[in-house]
Amino acid sequence: MLQRGVTIMGLLNGLFGKKEEEELAEVPEETEAPSAQIAVRIETLRDFTDIDRIARNVREGSIVLIKTKDLQRKDLGEFQNCVAKLKRVSSTYGFDLAGTDEGYLIITPTFAKIAR
């Protein structure tokens, strides 16, 4: 941020009819450090037991991207049960849950919403 600086020489030059030259002084911009950082975690859903770890991460304030393609290919029924449990956990805690075409699930804490 630049501001006009006024010097004594510039003021005297202005009083005695001389052309005043402008001086620019650089003033450092105040930056605020972020009060909190949001972690984005990438987890792999391998089986039903991974859901507790994922839910704990989201409750702690992390946004979690969940890779699901391996489980979808290996056992579609287990995958469907995991998604049903994630939906119940999301509903209970107020999380937002969405899936992508690429085989990921995104789950966010209550302070973040997924734009659809």
N, C-alpha and C. Protein backbone atom coordinates (compact mmCIF):
# COMPACT_ATOMS: atom_id res chain seq x y z
N MET A 1 0.86 -1.16 0.00
CA MET A 1 0.00 0.00 0.00
C MET A 1 0.91 1.23 0.00
N LEU A 2 0.68 2.13 -0.89
CA LEU A 2 1.51 3.32 -1.01
C LEU A 2 0.73 4.54 -0.55
N GLN A 3 1.41 5.42 0.18
CA GLN A 3 0.79 6.65 0.64
C GLN A 3 1.70 7.81 0.27
N ARG A 4 1.11 8.98 0.13
CA ARG A 4 1.90 10.18 -0.16
C ARG A 4 2.68 10.59 1.08
N GLY A 5 3.94 10.87 0.89
CA GLY A 5 4.75 11.33 2.00
C GLY A 5 4.96 12.85 1.88
N VAL A 6 4.91 13.57 2.95
CA VAL A 6 5.14 15.02 2.96
C VAL A 6 6.44 15.25 3.71
N THR A 7 7.39 15.92 3.04
CA THR A 7 8.67 16.21 3.67
C THR A 7 8.77 17.71 3.93
N ILE A 8 9.70 18.07 4.76
CA ILE A 8 9.92 19.50 5.06
C ILE A 8 10.37 20.22 3.80
N MET A 9 11.25 19.58 3.02
CA MET A 9 11.72 20.21 1.78
C MET A 9 10.56 20.43 0.82
N GLY A 10 9.68 19.46 0.74
CA GLY A 10 8.53 19.59 -0.13
C GLY A 10 7.61 20.71 0.32
N LEU A 11 7.44 20.86 1.63
CA LEU A 11 6.61 21.92 2.18
C LEU A 11 7.22 23.29 1.91
N LEU A 12 8.54 23.43 2.12
CA LEU A 12 9.23 24.69 1.85
C LEU A 12 9.20 25.04 0.37
N ASN A 13 9.39 24.04 -0.47
CA ASN A 13 9.34 24.29 -1.91
C ASN A 13 7.95 24.77 -2.32
N GLY A 14 6.92 24.24 -1.69
CA GLY A 14 5.56 24.67 -1.98
C GLY A 14 5.30 26.09 -1.55
N LEU A 15 5.88 26.50 -0.42
CA LEU A 15 5.69 27.86 0.08
C LEU A 15 6.43 28.89 -0.78
N PHE A 16 7.57 28.54 -1.32
CA PHE A 16 8.38 29.49 -2.08
C PHE A 16 8.20 29.34 -3.58
N GLY A 17 7.15 28.70 -4.00
CA GLY A 17 6.80 28.66 -5.41
C GLY A 17 7.51 27.59 -6.22
N LYS A 18 8.33 26.79 -5.62
CA LYS A 18 8.98 25.73 -6.39
C LYS A 18 8.02 24.56 -6.51
N LYS A 19 8.18 23.82 -7.58
CA LYS A 19 7.32 22.67 -7.83
C LYS A 19 7.63 21.56 -6.81
N GLU A 20 6.58 21.10 -6.17
CA GLU A 20 6.73 20.05 -5.16
C GLU A 20 6.80 18.69 -5.84
N GLU A 21 7.78 17.93 -5.46
CA GLU A 21 7.88 16.57 -5.97
C GLU A 21 7.19 15.64 -4.98
N GLU A 22 6.45 14.70 -5.51
CA GLU A 22 5.76 13.75 -4.65
C GLU A 22 6.71 12.62 -4.29
N GLU A 23 6.69 12.25 -3.06
CA GLU A 23 7.45 11.10 -2.61
C GLU A 23 6.45 10.03 -2.18
N LEU A 24 6.75 8.83 -2.56
CA LEU A 24 5.90 7.71 -2.17
C LEU A 24 6.65 6.87 -1.16
N ALA A 25 5.97 6.58 -0.10
CA ALA A 25 6.56 5.73 0.94
C ALA A 25 5.76 4.45 1.02
N GLU A 26 6.45 3.34 1.11
CA GLU A 26 5.77 2.06 1.20
C GLU A 26 5.48 1.75 2.66
N VAL A 27 4.22 1.50 2.93
CA VAL A 27 3.79 1.17 4.27
C VAL A 27 3.44 -0.32 4.26
N PRO A 28 4.05 -1.08 5.15
CA PRO A 28 3.76 -2.52 5.13
C PRO A 28 2.29 -2.79 5.47
N GLU A 29 1.73 -3.72 4.72
CA GLU A 29 0.33 -4.08 4.93
C GLU A 29 0.24 -5.06 6.09
N GLU A 30 -0.68 -4.81 6.97
CA GLU A 30 -0.86 -5.69 8.11
C GLU A 30 -1.60 -6.93 7.66
N THR A 31 -1.02 -8.06 7.94
CA THR A 31 -1.68 -9.32 7.60
C THR A 31 -1.99 -10.05 8.88
N GLU A 32 -3.16 -10.61 8.90
CA GLU A 32 -3.57 -11.37 10.07
C GLU A 32 -3.30 -12.84 9.83
N ALA A 33 -2.74 -13.49 10.82
CA ALA A 33 -2.54 -14.92 10.73
C ALA A 33 -3.88 -15.62 10.86
N PRO A 34 -4.08 -16.67 10.11
CA PRO A 34 -5.35 -17.38 10.24
C PRO A 34 -5.53 -17.90 11.66
N SER A 35 -6.72 -17.75 12.19
CA SER A 35 -6.98 -18.16 13.57
C SER A 35 -7.00 -19.68 13.70
N ALA A 36 -7.43 -20.35 12.68
CA ALA A 36 -7.47 -21.81 12.71
C ALA A 36 -7.26 -22.35 11.31
N GLN A 37 -6.63 -23.47 11.22
CA GLN A 37 -6.43 -24.10 9.93
C GLN A 37 -7.35 -25.31 9.83
N ILE A 38 -7.79 -25.55 8.63
CA ILE A 38 -8.67 -26.68 8.38
C ILE A 38 -7.86 -27.74 7.66
N ALA A 39 -7.84 -28.93 8.21
CA ALA A 39 -7.11 -30.03 7.59
C ALA A 39 -8.02 -30.73 6.59
N VAL A 40 -7.45 -31.10 5.47
CA VAL A 40 -8.15 -31.92 4.48
C VAL A 40 -7.41 -33.24 4.42
N ARG A 41 -8.08 -34.30 4.79
CA ARG A 41 -7.46 -35.62 4.83
C ARG A 41 -7.96 -36.48 3.69
N ILE A 42 -7.10 -37.35 3.22
CA ILE A 42 -7.47 -38.34 2.21
C ILE A 42 -7.37 -39.70 2.87
N GLU A 43 -8.47 -40.41 2.91
CA GLU A 43 -8.54 -41.73 3.54
C GLU A 43 -9.00 -42.74 2.49
N THR A 44 -8.65 -43.99 2.72
CA THR A 44 -9.10 -45.07 1.86
C THR A 44 -10.09 -45.92 2.64
N LEU A 45 -11.23 -46.18 2.04
CA LEU A 45 -12.25 -47.02 2.67
C LEU A 45 -11.97 -48.46 2.24
N ARG A 46 -11.46 -49.26 3.18
CA ARG A 46 -11.13 -50.65 2.87
C ARG A 46 -12.19 -51.62 3.40
N ASP A 47 -12.76 -51.25 4.57
CA ASP A 47 -13.83 -52.08 5.13
C ASP A 47 -14.62 -51.26 6.15
N PHE A 48 -15.56 -51.94 6.79
CA PHE A 48 -16.51 -51.30 7.70
C PHE A 48 -15.82 -50.64 8.90
N THR A 49 -14.67 -51.17 9.33
CA THR A 49 -13.98 -50.65 10.51
C THR A 49 -13.35 -49.27 10.28
N ASP A 50 -13.13 -48.89 9.03
CA ASP A 50 -12.53 -47.58 8.72
C ASP A 50 -13.47 -46.42 9.02
N ILE A 51 -14.75 -46.68 9.13
CA ILE A 51 -15.73 -45.61 9.31
C ILE A 51 -15.55 -44.88 10.64
N ASP A 52 -15.20 -45.61 11.69
CA ASP A 52 -14.99 -44.96 12.99
C ASP A 52 -13.83 -43.96 12.93
N ARG A 53 -12.74 -44.33 12.27
CA ARG A 53 -11.59 -43.43 12.13
C ARG A 53 -11.95 -42.20 11.31
N ILE A 54 -12.70 -42.41 10.24
CA ILE A 54 -13.11 -41.30 9.38
C ILE A 54 -14.03 -40.35 10.15
N ALA A 55 -15.01 -40.91 10.87
CA ALA A 55 -15.93 -40.07 11.65
C ALA A 55 -15.19 -39.28 12.72
N ARG A 56 -14.21 -39.89 13.36
CA ARG A 56 -13.42 -39.19 14.38
C ARG A 56 -12.66 -38.01 13.77
N ASN A 57 -12.08 -38.20 12.58
CA ASN A 57 -11.37 -37.11 11.90
C ASN A 57 -12.31 -35.95 11.58
N VAL A 58 -13.52 -36.26 11.15
CA VAL A 58 -14.48 -35.20 10.81
C VAL A 58 -14.95 -34.50 12.07
N ARG A 59 -15.19 -35.24 13.14
CA ARG A 59 -15.59 -34.61 14.40
C ARG A 59 -14.51 -33.67 14.92
N GLU A 60 -13.24 -33.97 14.62
CA GLU A 60 -12.12 -33.12 15.04
C GLU A 60 -11.96 -31.90 14.14
N GLY A 61 -12.78 -31.80 13.08
CA GLY A 61 -12.77 -30.60 12.25
C GLY A 61 -12.11 -30.76 10.90
N SER A 62 -11.76 -31.95 10.49
CA SER A 62 -11.13 -32.17 9.19
C SER A 62 -12.18 -32.44 8.11
N ILE A 63 -11.86 -32.01 6.92
CA ILE A 63 -12.64 -32.39 5.74
C ILE A 63 -11.97 -33.65 5.21
N VAL A 64 -12.74 -34.69 4.92
CA VAL A 64 -12.16 -35.97 4.53
C VAL A 64 -12.63 -36.35 3.13
N LEU A 65 -11.65 -36.65 2.27
CA LEU A 65 -11.91 -37.23 0.96
C LEU A 65 -11.66 -38.72 1.09
N ILE A 66 -12.64 -39.53 0.72
CA ILE A 66 -12.55 -40.97 0.94
C ILE A 66 -12.48 -41.67 -0.42
N LYS A 67 -11.39 -42.42 -0.63
CA LYS A 67 -11.25 -43.23 -1.84
C LYS A 67 -12.08 -44.51 -1.64
N THR A 68 -12.95 -44.80 -2.60
CA THR A 68 -13.83 -45.95 -2.42
C THR A 68 -13.76 -46.96 -3.56
N LYS A 69 -13.04 -46.67 -4.62
CA LYS A 69 -13.06 -47.53 -5.80
C LYS A 69 -12.61 -48.96 -5.50
N ASP A 70 -11.57 -49.12 -4.68
CA ASP A 70 -11.08 -50.47 -4.39
C ASP A 70 -12.14 -51.32 -3.71
N LEU A 71 -12.82 -50.74 -2.72
CA LEU A 71 -13.87 -51.48 -2.02
C LEU A 71 -15.06 -51.73 -2.93
N GLN A 72 -15.39 -50.80 -3.81
CA GLN A 72 -16.50 -51.01 -4.76
C GLN A 72 -16.21 -52.20 -5.66
N ARG A 73 -14.98 -52.30 -6.11
CA ARG A 73 -14.60 -53.41 -7.01
C ARG A 73 -14.53 -54.73 -6.25
N LYS A 74 -14.03 -54.69 -5.01
CA LYS A 74 -13.81 -55.90 -4.23
C LYS A 74 -15.12 -56.49 -3.71
N ASP A 75 -15.94 -55.63 -3.07
CA ASP A 75 -17.16 -56.13 -2.42
C ASP A 75 -18.22 -55.03 -2.43
N LEU A 76 -19.10 -55.08 -3.39
CA LEU A 76 -20.12 -54.04 -3.55
C LEU A 76 -21.08 -54.00 -2.36
N GLY A 77 -21.43 -55.14 -1.79
CA GLY A 77 -22.33 -55.18 -0.64
C GLY A 77 -21.70 -54.50 0.58
N GLU A 78 -20.42 -54.76 0.84
CA GLU A 78 -19.71 -54.11 1.94
C GLU A 78 -19.65 -52.61 1.71
N PHE A 79 -19.41 -52.21 0.48
CA PHE A 79 -19.38 -50.78 0.14
C PHE A 79 -20.72 -50.12 0.45
N GLN A 80 -21.80 -50.75 0.05
CA GLN A 80 -23.13 -50.20 0.29
C GLN A 80 -23.42 -50.09 1.78
N ASN A 81 -22.99 -51.08 2.58
CA ASN A 81 -23.17 -51.01 4.03
C ASN A 81 -22.36 -49.86 4.62
N CYS A 82 -21.14 -49.66 4.12
CA CYS A 82 -20.29 -48.56 4.62
C CYS A 82 -20.93 -47.20 4.30
N VAL A 83 -21.45 -47.05 3.11
CA VAL A 83 -22.08 -45.78 2.73
C VAL A 83 -23.32 -45.54 3.59
N ALA A 84 -24.09 -46.59 3.85
CA ALA A 84 -25.27 -46.44 4.71
C ALA A 84 -24.87 -45.99 6.12
N LYS A 85 -23.78 -46.57 6.65
CA LYS A 85 -23.34 -46.16 7.99
C LYS A 85 -22.81 -44.73 7.96
N LEU A 86 -22.08 -44.36 6.91
CA LEU A 86 -21.59 -42.97 6.79
C LEU A 86 -22.76 -41.99 6.73
N LYS A 87 -23.83 -42.37 6.06
CA LYS A 87 -25.02 -41.51 6.00
C LYS A 87 -25.64 -41.34 7.39
N ARG A 88 -25.71 -42.44 8.15
CA ARG A 88 -26.27 -42.36 9.51
C ARG A 88 -25.39 -41.48 10.40
N VAL A 89 -24.07 -41.66 10.32
CA VAL A 89 -23.14 -40.86 11.13
C VAL A 89 -23.26 -39.39 10.73
N SER A 90 -23.33 -39.12 9.42
CA SER A 90 -23.46 -37.75 8.94
C SER A 90 -24.75 -37.10 9.44
N SER A 91 -25.82 -37.85 9.41
CA SER A 91 -27.10 -37.33 9.88
C SER A 91 -27.06 -37.06 11.38
N THR A 92 -26.45 -37.95 12.14
CA THR A 92 -26.37 -37.80 13.59
C THR A 92 -25.59 -36.56 14.00
N TYR A 93 -24.43 -36.34 13.37
CA TYR A 93 -23.54 -35.24 13.76
C TYR A 93 -23.72 -33.97 12.93
N GLY A 94 -24.55 -34.01 11.91
CA GLY A 94 -24.77 -32.83 11.08
C GLY A 94 -23.68 -32.62 10.02
N PHE A 95 -22.97 -33.69 9.66
CA PHE A 95 -21.94 -33.60 8.62
C PHE A 95 -22.62 -33.50 7.26
N ASP A 96 -21.86 -33.06 6.28
CA ASP A 96 -22.34 -33.03 4.90
C ASP A 96 -21.58 -34.10 4.13
N LEU A 97 -22.29 -34.92 3.36
CA LEU A 97 -21.70 -36.05 2.66
C LEU A 97 -22.12 -36.00 1.20
N ALA A 98 -21.16 -36.19 0.30
CA ALA A 98 -21.45 -36.22 -1.13
C ALA A 98 -20.49 -37.17 -1.81
N GLY A 99 -20.93 -37.75 -2.91
CA GLY A 99 -20.10 -38.65 -3.70
C GLY A 99 -19.74 -38.01 -5.03
N THR A 100 -18.64 -38.49 -5.62
CA THR A 100 -18.21 -38.00 -6.93
C THR A 100 -18.24 -39.14 -7.94
N ASP A 101 -18.20 -38.79 -9.20
CA ASP A 101 -18.18 -39.79 -10.26
C ASP A 101 -16.86 -40.56 -10.29
N GLU A 102 -15.82 -39.99 -9.73
CA GLU A 102 -14.49 -40.60 -9.76
C GLU A 102 -14.29 -41.63 -8.64
N GLY A 103 -15.30 -41.88 -7.83
CA GLY A 103 -15.19 -42.88 -6.78
C GLY A 103 -14.75 -42.34 -5.44
N TYR A 104 -14.97 -41.08 -5.19
CA TYR A 104 -14.63 -40.48 -3.90
C TYR A 104 -15.91 -40.10 -3.17
N LEU A 105 -15.85 -40.14 -1.85
CA LEU A 105 -16.87 -39.56 -1.01
C LEU A 105 -16.22 -38.38 -0.30
N ILE A 106 -16.97 -37.31 -0.14
CA ILE A 106 -16.48 -36.13 0.57
C ILE A 106 -17.38 -35.94 1.77
N ILE A 107 -16.75 -35.81 2.95
CA ILE A 107 -17.52 -35.61 4.17
C ILE A 107 -16.92 -34.40 4.90
N THR A 108 -17.79 -33.47 5.27
CA THR A 108 -17.33 -32.23 5.90
C THR A 108 -17.99 -32.05 7.25
N PRO A 109 -17.30 -31.35 8.17
CA PRO A 109 -17.90 -31.05 9.48
C PRO A 109 -19.05 -30.05 9.33
N THR A 110 -19.68 -29.71 10.43
CA THR A 110 -20.87 -28.87 10.40
C THR A 110 -20.60 -27.45 9.89
N PHE A 111 -19.38 -26.94 10.04
CA PHE A 111 -19.08 -25.57 9.62
C PHE A 111 -18.85 -25.44 8.12
N ALA A 112 -18.73 -26.55 7.40
CA ALA A 112 -18.49 -26.50 5.96
C ALA A 112 -19.62 -27.25 5.23
N LYS A 113 -20.11 -26.66 4.18
CA LYS A 113 -21.15 -27.29 3.38
C LYS A 113 -20.63 -27.52 1.97
N ILE A 114 -21.06 -28.60 1.36
CA ILE A 114 -20.66 -28.95 0.00
C ILE A 114 -21.63 -28.28 -0.96
N ALA A 115 -21.09 -27.49 -1.89
CA ALA A 115 -21.94 -26.85 -2.90
C ALA A 115 -22.25 -27.88 -3.98
N ARG A 116 -23.50 -28.07 -4.23
CA ARG A 116 -23.91 -29.07 -5.23
C ARG A 116 -24.45 -28.40 -6.45
